Every structure is written in structure tokens, then in C-alpha cells.
Amino acid sequence: MDQAEIKSLVFRMQEGCNDAFASIYDRYWDKLYYVAFQKLRNQDAAEEIVQEVFLTLWKKKADLRIHCLSSYLAAMVRHAVYRYMARRQGSLLRESRFYEESQQVTDPHQTIDDRLTLDKILDLSNQLPEKCRLVFQYNKLDDQPLDAVAKRLNISHKTAEAHLTKALKVIRLSMRDFRMFF
């Protein structure tokens, strides 16, 4: 496909043509995924970033000034990867602080079982997919309302509910065996 055809696709997409957008999506998805995966080495995160890039492309299609589509999309993915890495680093710092605070016993009546249970929940939540983990930790461990969590993560309330439901199911199933041990 030459530059004139690509410019035509971009123009048609900006006019709201779903078929043009689908052609762009089909043409560039694999390439953009490869770029994201090379930086992150995480399949789920790379897929999520590429989906977010295409969602942003569609939402802002009328306002975009694109001279070279492949460069534009590659830059969008690079920036999305950097934002993801910054969010991830921030969440790791918050988790570390939370973990350190949870290790400080201030209540003399707190039992060792409580600390072990909290450690187990933290371990299990850290094994969840990124958004699922963040929704669970912000809502259940940081005591933030689900609406605020959804807004913070730039996802819908329903998506936040789905992530929370999945997290709770996984953690409850794993905790059942853990509690039986004690």
C-alpha cells in the first residue's frame, strides 16, 4: 500500500468510515503489538496498550493531524508504554509502602494469623493482571470507592466491577485453601 492509499484511509477514517479504521487496525495491529511487547515483555500489557492506542485513534480521529500514519502510531505506542511503565513504577512504590506499613504491628491484639493472611492476600493480588490488581488494591486495600478507582484508571464503572469480581473470585478461591491450613 503506497502513501497515497494510506492518506486516503486516514482521511476516510477521519470522516467516520468504519471500514477505513478496520483496514488501519488490521494493517498496523501486529506491528504495534511487537513494538509494545519488545519494551514491556508482557503480552497482556502490550495488547492492552495497542487496544488503547486504537481506541484513542478512533475517539480523536477528527482532531488528529497525521502526516505519516506509521510514525504517528509508533509514537502513540511509545508514549503509552512510557505512561504504563510510570504507572507501574508508581504502583510498585505504593505497594512497597503498603507492605511496610502492614508489617508494623501497632495493635497488641493483632495476631500472627492476621499478618499472614494479609501477606497472602497481597501475594495473590500481585499475581493478578495489571488492571485487575489495581482495581482490587485501590478498592479493597486502599479503601477507595469503585467510581473513583474507575475514573483513576480511565475505565468504565462496569469494567472496574468486572475486574473487582474477577480479583475477589481468584483471591477467595486461593484463600479457602490457605484458611484450611490454619
Protein backbone atom coordinates (compact mmCIF):
# COMPACT_ATOMS: atom_id res chain seq x y z
CA MET A 1 0.00 0.00 0.00
CA ASP A 2 1.54 3.32 -1.02
CA GLN A 3 1.41 6.64 0.84
CA ALA A 4 -1.49 7.97 -1.23
CA GLU A 5 -3.64 4.96 -0.30
CA ILE A 6 -2.70 5.31 3.36
CA LYS A 7 -3.55 9.03 3.32
CA SER A 8 -6.87 8.14 1.74
CA LEU A 9 -7.53 5.59 4.50
CA VAL A 10 -6.69 8.18 7.16
CA PHE A 11 -8.96 10.76 5.54
CA ARG A 12 -11.84 8.28 5.28
CA MET A 13 -11.32 7.22 8.91
CA GLN A 14 -11.40 10.86 10.00
CA GLU A 15 -14.71 11.18 8.18
CA GLY A 16 -16.03 8.29 10.29
CA CYS A 17 -15.61 5.35 7.91
CA ASN A 18 -15.51 2.16 9.97
CA ASP A 19 -14.05 0.14 7.09
CA ALA A 20 -11.10 2.52 6.77
CA PHE A 21 -10.45 2.27 10.50
CA ALA A 22 -10.69 -1.54 10.31
CA SER A 23 -8.14 -1.55 7.47
CA ILE A 24 -5.74 0.59 9.51
CA TYR A 25 -6.30 -1.65 12.53
CA ASP A 26 -5.62 -4.83 10.52
CA ARG A 27 -2.57 -3.34 8.83
CA TYR A 28 -0.84 -1.97 11.94
CA TRP A 29 -2.01 -4.03 14.94
CA ASP A 30 0.71 -6.70 14.74
CA LYS A 31 3.49 -4.14 14.19
CA LEU A 32 2.36 -2.00 17.13
CA TYR A 33 1.96 -5.05 19.36
CA TYR A 34 5.53 -6.09 18.52
CA VAL A 35 6.85 -2.64 19.49
CA ALA A 36 4.94 -2.65 22.81
CA PHE A 37 5.91 -6.24 23.60
CA GLN A 38 9.60 -5.57 22.91
CA LYS A 39 9.57 -2.79 25.50
CA LEU A 40 7.42 -4.49 28.16
CA ARG A 41 7.90 -8.25 27.71
CA ASN A 42 4.32 -8.63 28.91
CA GLN A 43 1.72 -9.96 26.48
CA ASP A 44 -1.36 -8.68 28.33
CA ALA A 45 0.08 -5.21 28.83
CA ALA A 46 1.23 -4.97 25.20
CA GLU A 47 -2.22 -5.99 23.93
CA GLU A 48 -3.92 -3.54 26.27
CA ILE A 49 -1.67 -0.69 25.15
CA VAL A 50 -2.28 -1.37 21.46
CA GLN A 51 -6.03 -1.53 22.06
CA GLU A 52 -5.88 1.78 23.95
CA VAL A 53 -3.91 3.36 21.09
CA PHE A 54 -6.53 2.30 18.55
CA LEU A 55 -9.35 3.41 20.84
CA THR A 56 -7.72 6.83 21.20
CA LEU A 57 -7.16 6.99 17.44
CA TRP A 58 -10.85 6.35 16.83
CA LYS A 59 -12.09 8.71 19.53
CA LYS A 60 -9.88 11.60 18.40
CA LYS A 61 -9.94 10.84 14.69
CA ALA A 62 -11.49 14.15 13.66
CA ASP A 63 -8.96 16.25 15.58
CA LEU A 64 -5.78 14.47 14.55
CA ARG A 65 -3.31 15.89 12.05
CA ILE A 66 -1.45 12.86 10.72
CA HIS A 67 1.29 13.25 8.14
CA CYS A 68 2.79 9.75 8.39
CA LEU A 69 0.44 7.18 9.89
CA SER A 70 3.04 4.54 10.77
CA SER A 71 5.25 7.08 12.60
CA TYR A 72 2.24 8.59 14.31
CA LEU A 73 1.00 5.20 15.58
CA ALA A 74 4.50 4.15 16.66
CA ALA A 75 4.84 7.38 18.67
CA MET A 76 1.43 6.77 20.27
CA VAL A 77 2.54 3.29 21.34
CA ARG A 78 5.88 4.56 22.66
CA HIS A 79 4.16 7.20 24.77
CA ALA A 80 1.56 4.70 26.00
CA VAL A 81 4.36 2.30 27.01
CA TYR A 82 6.15 5.08 28.92
CA ARG A 83 2.92 6.03 30.71
CA TYR A 84 2.32 2.36 31.55
CA MET A 85 5.83 1.98 32.92
CA ALA A 86 5.48 5.14 35.02
CA ARG A 87 2.13 3.95 36.42
CA ARG A 88 3.61 0.53 37.12
CA GLN A 89 6.60 2.05 38.92
CA GLY A 90 4.26 4.23 41.00
CA SER A 91 2.07 1.29 41.92
CA LEU A 92 5.11 -0.76 42.94
CA LEU A 93 6.21 2.06 45.25
CA ARG A 94 2.72 2.27 46.76
CA GLU A 95 2.63 -1.50 47.23
CA SER A 96 6.02 -1.42 48.90
CA ARG A 97 4.93 1.33 51.31
CA PHE A 98 1.68 -0.50 52.00
CA TYR A 99 3.55 -3.72 52.66
CA GLU A 100 5.99 -1.98 55.02
CA GLU A 101 3.13 -0.33 56.89
CA SER A 102 1.29 -3.63 57.13
CA GLN A 103 4.36 -5.19 58.74
CA GLN A 104 4.39 -2.67 61.59
CA VAL A 105 2.27 -4.09 64.37
CA THR A 106 0.63 -1.23 66.26
CA ASP A 107 -2.27 -3.16 67.80
CA PRO A 108 -1.06 -5.54 70.52
CA HIS A 109 -4.10 -7.75 69.89
CA GLN A 110 -3.24 -8.33 66.25
CA THR A 111 -2.39 -11.97 65.75
CA ILE A 112 0.19 -13.60 63.56
CA ASP A 113 -2.67 -15.11 61.56
CA ASP A 114 -3.87 -11.64 60.58
CA ARG A 115 -0.44 -10.69 59.28
CA LEU A 116 -0.05 -13.96 57.39
CA THR A 117 -3.49 -13.55 55.87
CA LEU A 118 -2.72 -10.01 54.72
CA ASP A 119 0.61 -11.15 53.28
CA LYS A 120 -1.15 -13.93 51.39
CA ILE A 121 -3.77 -11.51 50.02
CA LEU A 122 -1.02 -9.14 48.88
CA ASP A 123 0.84 -12.02 47.20
CA LEU A 124 -2.32 -13.19 45.45
CA SER A 125 -3.28 -9.69 44.33
CA ASN A 126 0.21 -9.14 42.88
CA GLN A 127 -0.34 -12.18 40.65
CA LEU A 128 -3.47 -10.70 39.08
CA PRO A 129 -3.41 -8.95 35.69
CA GLU A 130 -2.46 -5.26 35.99
CA LYS A 131 -5.88 -3.54 35.85
CA CYS A 132 -7.50 -6.28 37.90
CA ARG A 133 -4.80 -5.95 40.56
CA LEU A 134 -5.03 -2.16 40.64
CA VAL A 135 -8.83 -2.16 40.96
CA PHE A 136 -8.64 -4.68 43.83
CA GLN A 137 -5.84 -2.92 45.68
CA TYR A 138 -7.27 0.58 45.33
CA ASN A 139 -10.79 -0.50 46.24
CA LYS A 140 -10.22 -3.14 48.90
CA LEU A 141 -6.81 -2.36 50.34
CA ASP A 142 -6.73 1.44 49.93
CA ASP A 143 -10.48 1.78 50.65
CA GLN A 144 -11.23 3.91 47.58
CA PRO A 145 -14.77 3.93 46.13
CA LEU A 146 -15.15 1.92 42.93
CA ASP A 147 -16.25 5.02 40.98
CA ALA A 148 -13.05 6.82 41.98
CA VAL A 149 -10.96 3.78 41.04
CA ALA A 150 -12.64 3.55 37.62
CA LYS A 151 -12.01 7.23 36.98
CA ARG A 152 -8.40 6.98 38.19
CA LEU A 153 -7.70 4.05 35.84
CA ASN A 154 -9.67 5.62 32.98
CA ILE A 155 -12.04 2.67 32.67
CA SER A 156 -15.81 2.40 32.92
CA HIS A 157 -17.56 1.57 36.20
CA LYS A 158 -18.75 -1.74 34.70
CA THR A 159 -15.19 -2.66 33.70
CA ALA A 160 -13.98 -1.82 37.21
CA GLU A 161 -16.74 -4.04 38.64
CA ALA A 162 -15.72 -6.87 36.33
CA HIS A 163 -12.06 -6.56 37.35
CA LEU A 164 -13.02 -6.48 41.05
CA THR A 165 -15.31 -9.51 40.69
CA LYS A 166 -12.53 -11.46 38.97
CA ALA A 167 -9.98 -10.47 41.63
CA LEU A 168 -12.29 -11.39 44.51
CA LYS A 169 -13.11 -14.75 42.94
CA VAL A 170 -9.44 -15.65 42.44
CA ILE A 171 -8.43 -14.49 45.92
CA ARG A 172 -11.36 -16.18 47.67
CA LEU A 173 -10.67 -19.50 45.96
CA SER A 174 -6.99 -19.33 46.89
CA MET A 175 -7.71 -18.15 50.43
CA ARG A 176 -10.09 -21.07 51.05
CA ASP A 177 -7.14 -23.48 50.88
CA PHE A 178 -4.95 -21.10 52.89
CA ARG A 179 -7.52 -20.82 55.72
CA MET A 180 -7.92 -24.59 55.86
CA PHE A 181 -4.19 -24.82 56.54
CA PHE A 182 -4.64 -22.70 59.68
